[in-house]
Amino acid sequence: MSPTPINTPLSAQNHLLVVVTALPDVDAAKGLARVLIDENLAACVQLGSNIQSIYRWEGKLCEEQEVLLSAKTLASKWQEILSVIQKNHPYELPEILAFSPEQYSQQYGDWVQAEVNKA
C-alpha cells in the first residue's frame, strides 16, 4: 500500500488552518464547537479536557482547568471563525490562535475544503 500523498496547496486561501482556543468547561466548548460546525466554519472540532492553564490576569496569578478547542478549517474562513469565536466566547479576552500545517494528507485536505465550502 503506497502512502497517502502530502498536500501543499498553492493558494493561500485554501491552506488548512487549525484554530485553537481554551474555554472554561466542556459545555462551553461543545456549544462553540457546534456553532462552528453548524455554520460550516470548521470541518472538525476536537476538544481536549483537563488542560491546566497558568497565567497572569490583571496582576493576579491564575490557575484554571480549561478545555482546549481545536478547529480544522481553511485560511479563507479565518475572519469569519475569529468573529464567531469572539462573539460566542465567555472570556473577556479569549486566546484565539491559528496555525497552518505545512503538510497534511491530500484526502484530509479535500475533505476539510468540501465541508467548509458547503452552501
PDB file of N, CA and C in Angstrom:
ATOM      1  N   MET A   1       0.840  -1.173   0.000  1.00  0.00           N
ATOM      2  CA  MET A   1       0.000   0.000   0.000  1.00  0.00           C
ATOM      3  C   MET A   1       0.892   1.245   0.000  1.00  0.00           C
ATOM      4  N   SER A   2       0.678   2.143  -0.925  1.00  0.00           N
ATOM      5  CA  SER A   2       1.502   3.351  -1.002  1.00  0.00           C
ATOM      6  C   SER A   2       0.976   4.404  -0.032  1.00  0.00           C
ATOM      7  N   PRO A   3       1.849   5.275   0.462  1.00  0.00           N
ATOM      8  CA  PRO A   3       1.417   6.295   1.414  1.00  0.00           C
ATOM      9  C   PRO A   3       0.503   7.315   0.749  1.00  0.00           C
ATOM     10  N   THR A   4      -0.344   7.932   1.575  1.00  0.00           N
ATOM     11  CA  THR A   4      -1.238   8.983   1.097  1.00  0.00           C
ATOM     12  C   THR A   4      -0.403  10.180   0.683  1.00  0.00           C
ATOM     13  N   PRO A   5      -0.714  10.800  -0.473  1.00  0.00           N
ATOM     14  CA  PRO A   5       0.055  11.970  -0.896  1.00  0.00           C
ATOM     15  C   PRO A   5      -0.055  13.107   0.122  1.00  0.00           C
ATOM     16  N   ILE A   6       0.988  13.870   0.211  1.00  0.00           N
ATOM     17  CA  ILE A   6       1.005  15.032   1.086  1.00  0.00           C
ATOM     18  C   ILE A   6       0.631  16.250   0.248  1.00  0.00           C
ATOM     19  N   ASN A   7      -0.213  17.082   0.817  1.00  0.00           N
ATOM     20  CA  ASN A   7      -0.706  18.245   0.096  1.00  0.00           C
ATOM     21  C   ASN A   7      -0.014  19.514   0.581  1.00  0.00           C
ATOM     22  N   THR A   8       0.468  20.299  -0.342  1.00  0.00           N
ATOM     23  CA  THR A   8       0.960  21.634  -0.071  1.00  0.00           C
ATOM     24  C   THR A   8       0.277  22.548  -1.081  1.00  0.00           C
ATOM     25  N   PRO A   9      -0.910  23.090  -0.718  1.00  0.00           N
ATOM     26  CA  PRO A   9      -1.694  23.868  -1.677  1.00  0.00           C
ATOM     27  C   PRO A   9      -0.961  25.114  -2.165  1.00  0.00           C
ATOM     28  N   LEU A  10      -1.241  25.475  -3.392  1.00  0.00           N
ATOM     29  CA  LEU A  10      -0.647  26.682  -3.969  1.00  0.00           C
ATOM     30  C   LEU A  10      -1.373  27.935  -3.502  1.00  0.00           C
ATOM     31  N   SER A  11      -2.677  27.845  -3.352  1.00  0.00           N
ATOM     32  CA  SER A  11      -3.470  29.005  -2.961  1.00  0.00           C
ATOM     33  C   SER A  11      -3.460  29.174  -1.447  1.00  0.00           C
ATOM     34  N   ALA A  12      -3.070  30.350  -1.003  1.00  0.00           N
ATOM     35  CA  ALA A  12      -3.044  30.618   0.438  1.00  0.00           C
ATOM     36  C   ALA A  12      -4.440  30.525   1.045  1.00  0.00           C
ATOM     37  N   GLN A  13      -5.463  30.857   0.274  1.00  0.00           N
ATOM     38  CA  GLN A  13      -6.837  30.802   0.776  1.00  0.00           C
ATOM     39  C   GLN A  13      -7.289  29.377   1.043  1.00  0.00           C
ATOM     40  N   ASN A  14      -6.686  28.404   0.365  1.00  0.00           N
ATOM     41  CA  ASN A  14      -7.061  27.007   0.536  1.00  0.00           C
ATOM     42  C   ASN A  14      -6.190  26.273   1.544  1.00  0.00           C
ATOM     43  N   HIS A  15      -5.226  26.962   2.146  1.00  0.00           N
ATOM     44  CA  HIS A  15      -4.388  26.327   3.164  1.00  0.00           C
ATOM     45  C   HIS A  15      -5.252  25.894   4.328  1.00  0.00           C
ATOM     46  N   LEU A  16      -4.943  24.717   4.855  1.00  0.00           N
ATOM     47  CA  LEU A  16      -5.610  24.290   6.072  1.00  0.00           C
ATOM     48  C   LEU A  16      -5.169  25.197   7.209  1.00  0.00           C
ATOM     49  N   LEU A  17      -6.102  25.435   8.112  1.00  0.00           N
ATOM     50  CA  LEU A  17      -5.834  26.264   9.276  1.00  0.00           C
ATOM     51  C   LEU A  17      -6.366  25.514  10.493  1.00  0.00           C
ATOM     52  N   VAL A  18      -5.583  25.472  11.539  1.00  0.00           N
ATOM     53  CA  VAL A  18      -6.016  24.895  12.808  1.00  0.00           C
ATOM     54  C   VAL A  18      -6.174  26.069  13.770  1.00  0.00           C
ATOM     55  N   VAL A  19      -7.401  26.284  14.229  1.00  0.00           N
ATOM     56  CA  VAL A  19      -7.707  27.398  15.120  1.00  0.00           C
ATOM     57  C   VAL A  19      -7.901  26.834  16.525  1.00  0.00           C
ATOM     58  N   VAL A  20      -7.214  27.433  17.491  1.00  0.00           N
ATOM     59  CA  VAL A  20      -7.206  26.925  18.856  1.00  0.00           C
ATOM     60  C   VAL A  20      -7.681  28.003  19.825  1.00  0.00           C
ATOM     61  N   THR A  21      -8.504  27.593  20.780  1.00  0.00           N
ATOM     62  CA  THR A  21      -8.913  28.465  21.872  1.00  0.00           C
ATOM     63  C   THR A  21      -9.165  27.604  23.101  1.00  0.00           C
ATOM     64  N   ALA A  22      -9.117  28.207  24.267  1.00  0.00           N
ATOM     65  CA  ALA A  22      -9.388  27.499  25.514  1.00  0.00           C
ATOM     66  C   ALA A  22     -10.678  28.047  26.119  1.00  0.00           C
ATOM     67  N   LEU A  23     -11.483  27.134  26.668  1.00  0.00           N
ATOM     68  CA  LEU A  23     -12.760  27.520  27.267  1.00  0.00           C
ATOM     69  C   LEU A  23     -12.835  27.005  28.701  1.00  0.00           C
ATOM     70  N   PRO A  24     -13.741  27.574  29.497  1.00  0.00           N
ATOM     71  CA  PRO A  24     -13.756  27.230  30.919  1.00  0.00           C
ATOM     72  C   PRO A  24     -14.278  25.828  31.247  1.00  0.00           C
ATOM     73  N   ASP A  25     -15.107  25.248  30.371  1.00  0.00           N
ATOM     74  CA  ASP A  25     -15.661  23.927  30.667  1.00  0.00           C
ATOM     75  C   ASP A  25     -16.133  23.238  29.392  1.00  0.00           C
ATOM     76  N   VAL A  26     -16.468  21.957  29.529  1.00  0.00           N
ATOM     77  CA  VAL A  26     -16.876  21.146  28.379  1.00  0.00           C
ATOM     78  C   VAL A  26     -18.145  21.686  27.731  1.00  0.00           C
ATOM     79  N   ASP A  27     -19.106  22.139  28.524  1.00  0.00           N
ATOM     80  CA  ASP A  27     -20.361  22.653  27.954  1.00  0.00           C
ATOM     81  C   ASP A  27     -20.112  23.863  27.057  1.00  0.00           C
ATOM     82  N   ALA A  28     -19.280  24.788  27.511  1.00  0.00           N
ATOM     83  CA  ALA A  28     -18.958  25.973  26.695  1.00  0.00           C
ATOM     84  C   ALA A  28     -18.223  25.555  25.429  1.00  0.00           C
ATOM     85  N   ALA A  29     -17.304  24.604  25.557  1.00  0.00           N
ATOM     86  CA  ALA A  29     -16.532  24.140  24.397  1.00  0.00           C
ATOM     87  C   ALA A  29     -17.433  23.428  23.389  1.00  0.00           C
ATOM     88  N   LYS A  30     -18.324  22.558  23.869  1.00  0.00           N
ATOM     89  CA  LYS A  30     -19.242  21.853  22.967  1.00  0.00           C
ATOM     90  C   LYS A  30     -20.180  22.833  22.277  1.00  0.00           C
ATOM     91  N   GLY A  31     -20.649  23.831  22.999  1.00  0.00           N
ATOM     92  CA  GLY A  31     -21.533  24.827  22.403  1.00  0.00           C
ATOM     93  C   GLY A  31     -20.857  25.575  21.273  1.00  0.00           C
ATOM     94  N   LEU A  32     -19.628  26.018  21.500  1.00  0.00           N
ATOM     95  CA  LEU A  32     -18.880  26.734  20.461  1.00  0.00           C
ATOM     96  C   LEU A  32     -18.546  25.800  19.307  1.00  0.00           C
ATOM     97  N   ALA A  33     -18.176  24.570  19.606  1.00  0.00           N
ATOM     98  CA  ALA A  33     -17.866  23.592  18.552  1.00  0.00           C
ATOM     99  C   ALA A  33     -19.075  23.391  17.638  1.00  0.00           C
ATOM    100  N   ARG A  34     -20.243  23.258  18.214  1.00  0.00           N
ATOM    101  CA  ARG A  34     -21.457  23.053  17.406  1.00  0.00           C
ATOM    102  C   ARG A  34     -21.758  24.256  16.521  1.00  0.00           C
ATOM    103  N   VAL A  35     -21.542  25.460  17.040  1.00  0.00           N
ATOM    104  CA  VAL A  35     -21.736  26.669  16.227  1.00  0.00           C
ATOM    105  C   VAL A  35     -20.784  26.651  15.032  1.00  0.00           C
ATOM    106  N   LEU A  36     -19.524  26.328  15.263  1.00  0.00           N
ATOM    107  CA  LEU A  36     -18.534  26.320  14.182  1.00  0.00           C
ATOM    108  C   LEU A  36     -18.878  25.280  13.119  1.00  0.00           C
ATOM    109  N   ILE A  37     -19.356  24.121  13.533  1.00  0.00           N
ATOM    110  CA  ILE A  37     -19.749  23.079  12.581  1.00  0.00           C
ATOM    111  C   ILE A  37     -21.040  23.461  11.876  1.00  0.00           C
ATOM    112  N   ASP A  38     -22.035  23.926  12.634  1.00  0.00           N
ATOM    113  CA  ASP A  38     -23.337  24.289  12.048  1.00  0.00           C
ATOM    114  C   ASP A  38     -23.219  25.395  11.005  1.00  0.00           C
ATOM    115  N   GLU A  39     -22.280  26.320  11.213  1.00  0.00           N
ATOM    116  CA  GLU A  39     -22.103  27.447  10.287  1.00  0.00           C
ATOM    117  C   GLU A  39     -21.064  27.146   9.207  1.00  0.00           C
ATOM    118  N   ASN A  40     -20.645  25.880   9.096  1.00  0.00           N
ATOM    119  CA  ASN A  40     -19.657  25.437   8.105  1.00  0.00           C
ATOM    120  C   ASN A  40     -18.354  26.232   8.174  1.00  0.00           C
ATOM    121  N   LEU A  41     -17.976  26.612   9.376  1.00  0.00           N
ATOM    122  CA  LEU A  41     -16.719  27.326   9.557  1.00  0.00           C
ATOM    123  C   LEU A  41     -15.574  26.378   9.880  1.00  0.00           C
ATOM    124  N   ALA A  42     -15.915  25.160  10.279  1.00  0.00           N
ATOM    125  CA  ALA A  42     -14.911  24.142  10.571  1.00  0.00           C
ATOM    126  C   ALA A  42     -15.430  22.792  10.107  1.00  0.00           C
ATOM    127  N   ALA A  43     -14.525  21.958   9.648  1.00  0.00           N
ATOM    128  CA  ALA A  43     -14.898  20.607   9.231  1.00  0.00           C
ATOM    129  C   ALA A  43     -14.902  19.664  10.423  1.00  0.00           C
ATOM    130  N   CYS A  44     -14.033  19.927  11.376  1.00  0.00           N
ATOM    131  CA  CYS A  44     -13.876  19.072  12.545  1.00  0.00           C
ATOM    132  C   CYS A  44     -13.435  19.941  13.712  1.00  0.00           C
ATOM    133  N   VAL A  45     -14.002  19.671  14.881  1.00  0.00           N
ATOM    134  CA  VAL A  45     -13.574  20.366  16.091  1.00  0.00           C
ATOM    135  C   VAL A  45     -13.269  19.308  17.139  1.00  0.00           C
ATOM    136  N   GLN A  46     -12.073  19.364  17.677  1.00  0.00           N
ATOM    137  CA  GLN A  46     -11.687  18.434  18.729  1.00  0.00           C
ATOM    138  C   GLN A  46     -11.602  19.184  20.051  1.00  0.00           C
ATOM    139  N   LEU A  47     -12.004  18.493  21.120  1.00  0.00           N
ATOM    140  CA  LEU A  47     -11.969  19.064  22.461  1.00  0.00           C
ATOM    141  C   LEU A  47     -11.035  18.236  23.336  1.00  0.00           C
ATOM    142  N   GLY A  48     -10.141  18.903  23.997  1.00  0.00           N
ATOM    143  CA  GLY A  48      -9.229  18.239  24.932  1.00  0.00           C
ATOM    144  C   GLY A  48      -9.494  18.766  26.325  1.00  0.00           C
ATOM    145  N   SER A  49      -9.981  17.907  27.208  1.00  0.00           N
ATOM    146  CA  SER A  49     -10.338  18.373  28.552  1.00  0.00           C
ATOM    147  C   SER A  49      -9.166  18.258  29.517  1.00  0.00           C
ATOM    148  N   ASN A  50      -9.372  18.841  30.684  1.00  0.00           N
ATOM    149  CA  ASN A  50      -8.396  18.817  31.771  1.00  0.00           C
ATOM    150  C   ASN A  50      -7.056  19.463  31.416  1.00  0.00           C
ATOM    151  N   ILE A  51      -7.125  20.542  30.679  1.00  0.00           N
ATOM    152  CA  ILE A  51      -5.940  21.333  30.384  1.00  0.00           C
ATOM    153  C   ILE A  51      -5.709  22.267  31.574  1.00  0.00           C
ATOM    154  N   GLN A  52      -4.511  22.293  32.076  1.00  0.00           N
ATOM    155  CA  GLN A  52      -4.190  23.181  33.192  1.00  0.00           C
ATOM    156  C   GLN A  52      -3.535  24.437  32.636  1.00  0.00           C
ATOM    157  N   SER A  53      -4.149  25.583  32.861  1.00  0.00           N
ATOM    158  CA  SER A  53      -3.594  26.856  32.398  1.00  0.00           C
ATOM    159  C   SER A  53      -3.127  27.679  33.589  1.00  0.00           C
ATOM    160  N   ILE A  54      -1.933  28.233  33.467  1.00  0.00           N
ATOM    161  CA  ILE A  54      -1.382  29.119  34.483  1.00  0.00           C
ATOM    162  C   ILE A  54      -1.005  30.412  33.774  1.00  0.00           C
ATOM    163  N   TYR A  55      -1.532  31.528  34.243  1.00  0.00           N
ATOM    164  CA  TYR A  55      -1.319  32.808  33.582  1.00  0.00           C
ATOM    165  C   TYR A  55      -1.521  33.944  34.580  1.00  0.00           C
ATOM    166  N   ARG A  56      -1.102  35.125  34.173  1.00  0.00           N
ATOM    167  CA  ARG A  56      -1.329  36.316  34.995  1.00  0.00           C
ATOM    168  C   ARG A  56      -2.423  37.137  34.326  1.00  0.00           C
ATOM    169  N   TRP A  57      -3.428  37.519  35.101  1.00  0.00           N
ATOM    170  CA  TRP A  57      -4.529  38.332  34.585  1.00  0.00           C
ATOM    171  C   TRP A  57      -4.783  39.464  35.566  1.00  0.00           C
ATOM    172  N   GLU A  58      -4.662  40.679  35.072  1.00  0.00           N
ATOM    173  CA  GLU A  58      -4.865  41.890  35.868  1.00  0.00           C
ATOM    174  C   GLU A  58      -4.039  41.854  37.146  1.00  0.00           C
ATOM    175  N   GLY A  59      -2.775  41.424  36.999  1.00  0.00           N
ATOM    176  CA  GLY A  59      -1.830  41.419  38.103  1.00  0.00           C
ATOM    177  C   GLY A  59      -1.938  40.233  39.044  1.00  0.00           C
ATOM    178  N   LYS A  60      -2.878  39.342  38.804  1.00  0.00           N
ATOM    179  CA  LYS A  60      -3.093  38.197  39.689  1.00  0.00           C
ATOM    180  C   LYS A  60      -2.680  36.906  38.982  1.00  0.00           C
ATOM    181  N   LEU A  61      -1.948  36.045  39.691  1.00  0.00           N
ATOM    182  CA  LEU A  61      -1.575  34.747  39.153  1.00  0.00           C
ATOM    183  C   LEU A  61      -2.792  33.827  39.217  1.00  0.00           C
ATOM    184  N   CYS A  62      -3.151  33.246  38.075  1.00  0.00           N
ATOM    185  CA  CYS A  62      -4.341  32.391  37.990  1.00  0.00           C
ATOM    186  C   CYS A  62      -3.953  30.982  37.562  1.00  0.00           C
ATOM    187  N   GLU A  63      -4.645  30.009  38.098  1.00  0.00           N
ATOM    188  CA  GLU A  63      -4.508  28.613  37.684  1.00  0.00           C
ATOM    189  C   GLU A  63      -5.911  28.078  37.468  1.00  0.00           C
ATOM    190  N   GLU A  64      -6.173  27.605  36.255  1.00  0.00           N
ATOM    191  CA  GLU A  64      -7.519  27.162  35.895  1.00  0.00           C
ATOM    192  C   GLU A  64      -7.480  25.843  35.146  1.00  0.00           C
ATOM    193  N   GLN A  65      -8.505  25.034  35.326  1.00  0.00           N
ATOM    194  CA  GLN A  65      -8.760  23.876  34.472  1.00  0.00           C
ATOM    195  C   GLN A  65      -9.553  24.391  33.275  1.00  0.00           C
ATOM    196  N   GLU A  66      -9.144  24.043  32.080  1.00  0.00           N
ATOM    197  CA  GLU A  66      -9.836  24.501  30.881  1.00  0.00           C
ATOM    198  C   GLU A  66      -9.997  23.349  29.897  1.00  0.00           C
ATOM    199  N   VAL A  67     -10.761  23.615  28.862  1.00  0.00           N
ATOM    200  CA  VAL A  67     -10.952  22.679  27.750  1.00  0.00           C
ATOM    201  C   VAL A  67     -10.361  23.337  26.515  1.00  0.00           C
ATOM    202  N   LEU A  68      -9.479  22.618  25.821  1.00  0.00           N
ATOM    203  CA  LEU A  68      -8.846  23.142  24.620  1.00  0.00           C
ATOM    204  C   LEU A  68      -9.673  22.757  23.399  1.00  0.00           C
ATOM    205  N   LEU A  69     -10.051  23.735  22.596  1.00  0.00           N
ATOM    206  CA  LEU A  69     -10.817  23.523  21.370  1.00  0.00           C
ATOM    207  C   LEU A  69      -9.879  23.717  20.194  1.00  0.00           C
ATOM    208  N   SER A  70      -9.900  22.767  19.270  1.00  0.00           N
ATOM    209  CA  SER A  70      -9.055  22.814  18.075  1.00  0.00           C
ATOM    210  C   SER A  70      -9.952  22.598  16.857  1.00  0.00           C
ATOM    211  N   ALA A  71     -10.092  23.621  16.025  1.00  0.00           N
ATOM    212  CA  ALA A  71     -10.991  23.569  14.865  1.00  0.00           C
ATOM    213  C   ALA A  71     -10.174  23.510  13.579  1.00  0.00           C
ATOM    214  N   LYS A  72     -10.538  22.580  12.691  1.00  0.00           N
ATOM    215  CA  LYS A  72      -9.863  22.451  11.400  1.00  0.00           C
ATOM    216  C   LYS A  72     -10.690  23.172  10.344  1.00  0.00           C
ATOM    217  N   THR A  73     -10.074  24.118   9.659  1.00  0.00           N
ATOM    218  CA  THR A  73     -10.771  24.959   8.695  1.00  0.00           C
ATOM    219  C   THR A  73      -9.805  25.354   7.584  1.00  0.00           C
ATOM    220  N   LEU A  74     -10.184  26.371   6.809  1.00  0.00           N
ATOM    221  CA  LEU A  74      -9.348  26.922   5.739  1.00  0.00           C
ATOM    222  C   LEU A  74      -8.972  28.361   6.062  1.00  0.00           C
ATOM    223  N   ALA A  75      -7.837  28.805   5.547  1.00  0.00           N
ATOM    224  CA  ALA A  75      -7.397  30.179   5.765  1.00  0.00           C
ATOM    225  C   ALA A  75      -8.444  31.188   5.296  1.00  0.00           C
ATOM    226  N   SER A  76      -9.202  30.851   4.272  1.00  0.00           N
ATOM    227  CA  SER A  76     -10.235  31.760   3.757  1.00  0.00           C
ATOM    228  C   SER A  76     -11.353  32.002   4.764  1.00  0.00           C
ATOM    229  N   LYS A  77     -11.474  31.163   5.782  1.00  0.00           N
ATOM    230  CA  LYS A  77     -12.529  31.297   6.802  1.00  0.00           C
ATOM    231  C   LYS A  77     -12.041  32.000   8.061  1.00  0.00           C
ATOM    232  N   TRP A  78     -10.771  32.427   8.084  1.00  0.00           N
ATOM    233  CA  TRP A  78     -10.183  32.994   9.299  1.00  0.00           C
ATOM    234  C   TRP A  78     -10.994  34.143   9.882  1.00  0.00           C
ATOM    235  N   GLN A  79     -11.320  35.140   9.102  1.00  0.00           N
ATOM    236  CA  GLN A  79     -12.034  36.302   9.657  1.00  0.00           C
ATOM    237  C   GLN A  79     -13.407  35.906  10.205  1.00  0.00           C
ATOM    238  N   GLU A  80     -14.100  35.020   9.504  1.00  0.00           N
ATOM    239  CA  GLU A  80     -15.417  34.570   9.972  1.00  0.00           C
ATOM    240  C   GLU A  80     -15.312  33.775  11.267  1.00  0.00           C
ATOM    241  N   ILE A  81     -14.379  32.835  11.317  1.00  0.00           N
ATOM    242  CA  ILE A  81     -14.249  31.996  12.506  1.00  0.00           C
ATOM    243  C   ILE A  81     -13.776  32.835  13.700  1.00  0.00           C
ATOM    244  N   LEU A  82     -12.885  33.775  13.460  1.00  0.00           N
ATOM    245  CA  LEU A  82     -12.425  34.686  14.510  1.00  0.00           C
ATOM    246  C   LEU A  82     -13.602  35.455  15.090  1.00  0.00           C
ATOM    247  N   SER A  83     -14.434  36.002  14.227  1.00  0.00           N
ATOM    248  CA  SER A  83     -15.591  36.774  14.656  1.00  0.00           C
ATOM    249  C   SER A  83     -16.579  35.925  15.468  1.00  0.00           C
ATOM    250  N   VAL A  84     -16.848  34.718  14.997  1.00  0.00           N
ATOM    251  CA  VAL A  84     -17.794  33.839  15.696  1.00  0.00           C
ATOM    252  C   VAL A  84     -17.247  33.436  17.062  1.00  0.00           C
ATOM    253  N   ILE A  85     -15.965  33.121  17.137  1.00  0.00           N
ATOM    254  CA  ILE A  85     -15.381  32.752  18.430  1.00  0.00           C
ATOM    255  C   ILE A  85     -15.452  33.936  19.391  1.00  0.00           C
ATOM    256  N   GLN A  86     -15.078  35.125  18.931  1.00  0.00           N
ATOM    257  CA  GLN A  86     -15.127  36.305  19.794  1.00  0.00           C
ATOM    258  C   GLN A  86     -16.551  36.577  20.285  1.00  0.00           C
ATOM    259  N   LYS A  87     -17.516  36.413  19.411  1.00  0.00           N
ATOM    260  CA  LYS A  87     -18.919  36.672  19.753  1.00  0.00           C
ATOM    261  C   LYS A  87     -19.462  35.654  20.760  1.00  0.00           C
ATOM    262  N   ASN A  88     -19.041  34.401  20.646  1.00  0.00           N
ATOM    263  CA  ASN A  88     -19.614  33.320  21.449  1.00  0.00           C
ATOM    264  C   ASN A  88     -18.741  32.881  22.619  1.00  0.00           C
ATOM    265  N   HIS A  89     -17.580  33.482  22.794  1.00  0.00           N
ATOM    266  CA  HIS A  89     -16.647  33.063  23.837  1.00  0.00           C
ATOM    267  C   HIS A  89     -16.999  33.733  25.166  1.00  0.00           C
ATOM    268  N   PRO A  90     -16.988  32.983  26.266  1.00  0.00           N
ATOM    269  CA  PRO A  90     -17.338  33.576  27.555  1.00  0.00           C
ATOM    270  C   PRO A  90     -16.240  34.440  28.183  1.00  0.00           C
ATOM    271  N   TYR A  91     -15.001  34.343  27.699  1.00  0.00           N
ATOM    272  CA  TYR A  91     -13.913  35.124  28.290  1.00  0.00           C
ATOM    273  C   TYR A  91     -13.887  36.536  27.733  1.00  0.00           C
ATOM    274  N   GLU A  92     -13.461  37.463  28.575  1.00  0.00           N
ATOM    275  CA  GLU A  92     -13.293  38.859  28.159  1.00  0.00           C
ATOM    276  C   GLU A  92     -12.229  38.974  27.071  1.00  0.00           C
ATOM    277  N   LEU A  93     -11.135  38.240  27.233  1.00  0.00           N
ATOM    278  CA  LEU A  93     -10.042  38.245  26.262  1.00  0.00           C
ATOM    279  C   LEU A  93      -9.650  36.799  25.950  1.00  0.00           C
ATOM    280  N   PRO A  94     -10.354  36.174  25.015  1.00  0.00           N
ATOM    281  CA  PRO A  94     -10.051  34.772  24.716  1.00  0.00           C
ATOM    282  C   PRO A  94      -8.757  34.613  23.923  1.00  0.00           C
ATOM    283  N   GLU A  95      -8.076  33.527  24.204  1.00  0.00           N
ATOM    284  CA  GLU A  95      -6.932  33.116  23.395  1.00  0.00           C
ATOM    285  C   GLU A  95      -7.504  32.571  22.091  1.00  0.00           C
ATOM    286  N   ILE A  96      -7.097  33.133  20.971  1.00  0.00           N
ATOM    287  CA  ILE A  96      -7.514  32.614  19.665  1.00  0.00           C
ATOM    288  C   ILE A  96      -6.262  32.602  18.796  1.00  0.00           C
ATOM    289  N   LEU A  97      -5.769  31.399  18.530  1.00  0.00           N
ATOM    290  CA  LEU A  97      -4.548  31.219  17.749  1.00  0.00           C
ATOM    291  C   LEU A  97      -4.862  30.407  16.509  1.00  0.00           C
ATOM    292  N   ALA A  98      -4.134  30.659  15.435  1.00  0.00           N
ATOM    293  CA  ALA A  98      -4.309  29.880  14.209  1.00  0.00           C
ATOM    294  C   ALA A  98      -2.949  29.447  13.690  1.00  0.00           C
ATOM    295  N   PHE A  99      -2.893  28.203  13.252  1.00  0.00           N
ATOM    296  CA  PHE A  99      -1.669  27.616  12.724  1.00  0.00           C
ATOM    297  C   PHE A  99      -1.966  26.978  11.373  1.00  0.00           C
ATOM    298  N   SER A 100      -1.045  27.115  10.445  1.00  0.00           N
ATOM    299  CA  SER A 100      -1.174  26.462   9.145  1.00  0.00           C
ATOM    300  C   SER A 100      -0.193  25.305   9.070  1.00  0.00           C
ATOM    301  N   PRO A 101      -0.698  24.078   9.016  1.00  0.00           N
ATOM    302  CA  PRO A 101       0.225  22.956   8.868  1.00  0.00           C
ATOM    303  C   PRO A 101       0.913  23.014   7.513  1.00  0.00           C
ATOM    304  N   GLU A 102       2.195  22.718   7.492  1.00  0.00           N
ATOM    305  CA  GLU A 102       2.939  22.724   6.232  1.00  0.00           C
ATOM    306  C   GLU A 102       2.570  21.536   5.366  1.00  0.00           C
ATOM    307  N   GLN A 103       2.250  20.425   6.003  1.00  0.00           N
ATOM    308  CA  GLN A 103       1.924  19.212   5.256  1.00  0.00           C
ATOM    309  C   GLN A 103       0.735  18.516   5.898  1.00  0.00           C
ATOM    310  N   TYR A 104      -0.063  17.875   5.056  1.00  0.00           N
ATOM    311  CA  TYR A 104      -1.214  17.086   5.509  1.00  0.00           C
ATOM    312  C   TYR A 104      -1.633  16.200   4.354  1.00  0.00           C
ATOM    313  N   SER A 105      -2.411  15.186   4.649  1.00  0.00           N
ATOM    314  CA  SER A 105      -2.804  14.269   3.578  1.00  0.00           C
ATOM    315  C   SER A 105      -3.766  14.957   2.619  1.00  0.00           C
ATOM    316  N   GLN A 106      -3.630  14.656   1.359  1.00  0.00           N
ATOM    317  CA  GLN A 106      -4.485  15.222   0.305  1.00  0.00           C
ATOM    318  C   GLN A 106      -5.955  14.918   0.588  1.00  0.00           C
ATOM    319  N   GLN A 107      -6.238  13.689   1.001  1.00  0.00           N
ATOM    320  CA  GLN A 107      -7.626  13.297   1.266  1.00  0.00           C
ATOM    321  C   GLN A 107      -8.225  14.118   2.400  1.00  0.00           C
ATOM    322  N   TYR A 108      -7.473  14.322   3.466  1.00  0.00           N
ATOM    323  CA  TYR A 108      -7.985  15.105   4.588  1.00  0.00           C
ATOM    324  C   TYR A 108      -8.202  16.560   4.169  1.00  0.00           C
ATOM    325  N   GLY A 109      -7.250  17.125   3.451  1.00  0.00           N
ATOM    326  CA  GLY A 109      -7.391  18.495   2.973  1.00  0.00           C
ATOM    327  C   GLY A 109      -8.599  18.670   2.075  1.00  0.00           C
ATOM    328  N   ASP A 110      -8.831  17.704   1.200  1.00  0.00           N
ATOM    329  CA  ASP A 110     -10.007  17.763   0.323  1.00  0.00           C
ATOM    330  C   ASP A 110     -11.293  17.708   1.129  1.00  0.00           C
ATOM    331  N   TRP A 111     -11.310  16.852   2.154  1.00  0.00           N
ATOM    332  CA  TRP A 111     -12.497  16.724   2.992  1.00  0.00           C
ATOM    333  C   TRP A 111     -12.786  18.022   3.750  1.00  0.00           C
ATOM    334  N   VAL A 112     -11.754  18.624   4.349  1.00  0.00           N
ATOM    335  CA  VAL A 112     -11.935  19.896   5.065  1.00  0.00           C
ATOM    336  C   VAL A 112     -12.478  20.946   4.115  1.00  0.00           C
ATOM    337  N   GLN A 113     -11.886  21.023   2.936  1.00  0.00           N
ATOM    338  CA  GLN A 113     -12.310  22.012   1.944  1.00  0.00           C
ATOM    339  C   GLN A 113     -13.779  21.799   1.562  1.00  0.00           C
ATOM    340  N   ALA A 114     -14.171  20.559   1.315  1.00  0.00           N
ATOM    341  CA  ALA A 114     -15.558  20.252   0.950  1.00  0.00           C
ATOM    342  C   ALA A 114     -16.529  20.631   2.082  1.00  0.00           C
ATOM    343  N   GLU A 115     -16.147  20.338   3.313  1.00  0.00           N
ATOM    344  CA  GLU A 115     -17.030  20.623   4.457  1.00  0.00           C
ATOM    345  C   GLU A 115     -17.237  22.111   4.696  1.00  0.00           C
ATOM    346  N   VAL A 116     -16.174  22.880   4.672  1.00  0.00           N
ATOM    347  CA  VAL A 116     -16.328  24.308   4.984  1.00  0.00           C
ATOM    348  C   VAL A 116     -16.845  25.113   3.802  1.00  0.00           C
ATOM    349  N   ASN A 117     -16.823  24.536   2.615  1.00  0.00           N
ATOM    350  CA  ASN A 117     -17.337  25.247   1.441  1.00  0.00           C
ATOM    351  C   ASN A 117     -18.756  24.839   1.073  1.00  0.00           C
ATOM    352  N   LYS A 118     -19.426  24.058   1.954  1.00  0.00           N
ATOM    353  CA  LYS A 118     -20.829  23.691   1.701  1.00  0.00           C
ATOM    354  C   LYS A 118     -21.711  24.938   1.782  1.00  0.00           C
ATOM    355  N   ALA A 119     -22.701  24.977   0.934  1.00  0.00           N
ATOM    356  CA  ALA A 119     -23.629  26.129   0.925  1.00  0.00           C
ATOM    357  C   ALA A 119     -24.612  26.026   2.053  1.00  0.00           C
TER     358      ALA A 119
END
